[in-house]
Amino acid sequence: MASGSTKVVIAALIGNGLIAVTKFGAAAYTGSSAMLSEAIHSVVDTCNQGLILYGLKRAKKPADEAHPFGYGMELYFWTFVVAVMIFAVGAGVSLYEGIQKIRHPHPVGNAYINYIVLGAAMVFEAFAWWFAFKEFKSRKGHLGYFTAVRRSKDPALFTVLFEDTAAMLGLIVAFAGIALGQHLEMPVLDGVASVVIGVILAAVAAFLAYECKGLLVGESARRPVIRGIRAIAETRDGVKSVNELLTMHLSPEDILVNLSLDFADGINSEDVEAAISSLEREVKDSYPEVTRIFIEVQSRQGHQAEAARQDGGPHKTESPAEED
C-alpha cells in the first residue's frame, strides 16, 4: 500500500488528537456549543484516521485459502465505516447540540479563549490539509481535482483530504458564529454555527460514502489501463480478437484482469501457451498494479453464444469509452 497515504493519515491523526483535547478544554471553560461541536468533530476525525490506519494494515495481509485474492478490499470497507461515523456521530451530535443551543440560548463565557483555541486549531488543520493536498496533487496528474477524486482508487488519501477540508470549514463557521453572537449579543448564533457544522459534515459524509461504496462493490481499472491491456492483447501473434476484457480493483495497487481471447484457426497448443505467457509478462511489466491475470481461450462465436444465453439476448463486445 502506498506509503504516502499512510504518512498523510498519521499526520492527520496526531494533529486531530491534539486539537480535540484543546477544544474540549475550551468548550468546558466557555460553554460554547459550536466549540463543543468542533471538539466532537476532532474526536471523530481522530478515530476515523485510526480506522483508516487499521484498514491499511489489514489490506497488507497476504492471500490465504479463505481469501485467495487477498485482503486489499478491507481498506474500502473501513473507509466506508469512516463515512458512516462522520454522518452518524459528527453530524448527528453537532446538529443535536446546535438545536439545543438555539432552543435554550445562553451567552458564551470568556469567548476570547475560544478565539485563541480556534486560531491555533486553524494553524494545525491547515498544516494537515496542506500535507494531504500536496500528496493528492502529486498523484492526480493532469486530471481536474473533482475528476481525480471520482477516479481515485485510494480512499485513504481523498478521505483525509475531505475530512481536513470539512474541519477547516467547521473552524471558520465556529469562529464566525461565536464572534457574531458576541458582537450582536445574539447567543443563538452559536447554536446556528453548530447546526451549520453538522450540515457540512453530513454533506462530506454522504459524498465519501458514495465514493467508497463504488470501490467496495468493485470498480474497474481506469480507461487508459484498460485500453493499454487491450492493445497489448490485440497485437499478440496468433490472437484474432479480444472477446472480453474485465478488470477490477482489489485495492489501490492490486488489479484483477480477466481476458477472453479468440486465437487464429490452426494455431497449435504450444504457440497458444507461449502467446499467453508472453502476454501476461508484458501486461504486468507495463502495468505493475496488475497482479493477477486470468486468460480464457474461446472462439468469438462461442463467447457471444454463451453471453447471449446468460443475458437472454444478443451480446456485443463494446470497446471502452474514450476518456482519460
Foldseek 3Di string as FASTA:
>chain_A
DDVLLVVLLVLLLVLLVVLLVLLVVLCVVFVFLLSVLLSQLSVLSNVLSVLLNVQVVQQPDAADPVRNQGSQLSNLVSLLVSLVSLQVRNLVSLLVSLVVCLVPPDATPPCVSVVVSLVVSLVSLVVSLVSLVVVLVVPQPPDDPVVSLLQAQALSSVSSNLSSVLSNVSSVLQNVQNVCCVVVVPRSSSSVSSNVSSVSSNVSSVVSNVSSVDQNVWDFHDQVLQVVLLVLQCPQPFFPHWLEWTWTDSHSLAIEIETETEGDPPDDPVSVVVSVVVSVVVSCVVRVSYDYYHYHYDHNVVVQVVVCVVVVHGDDHDRDDDDD
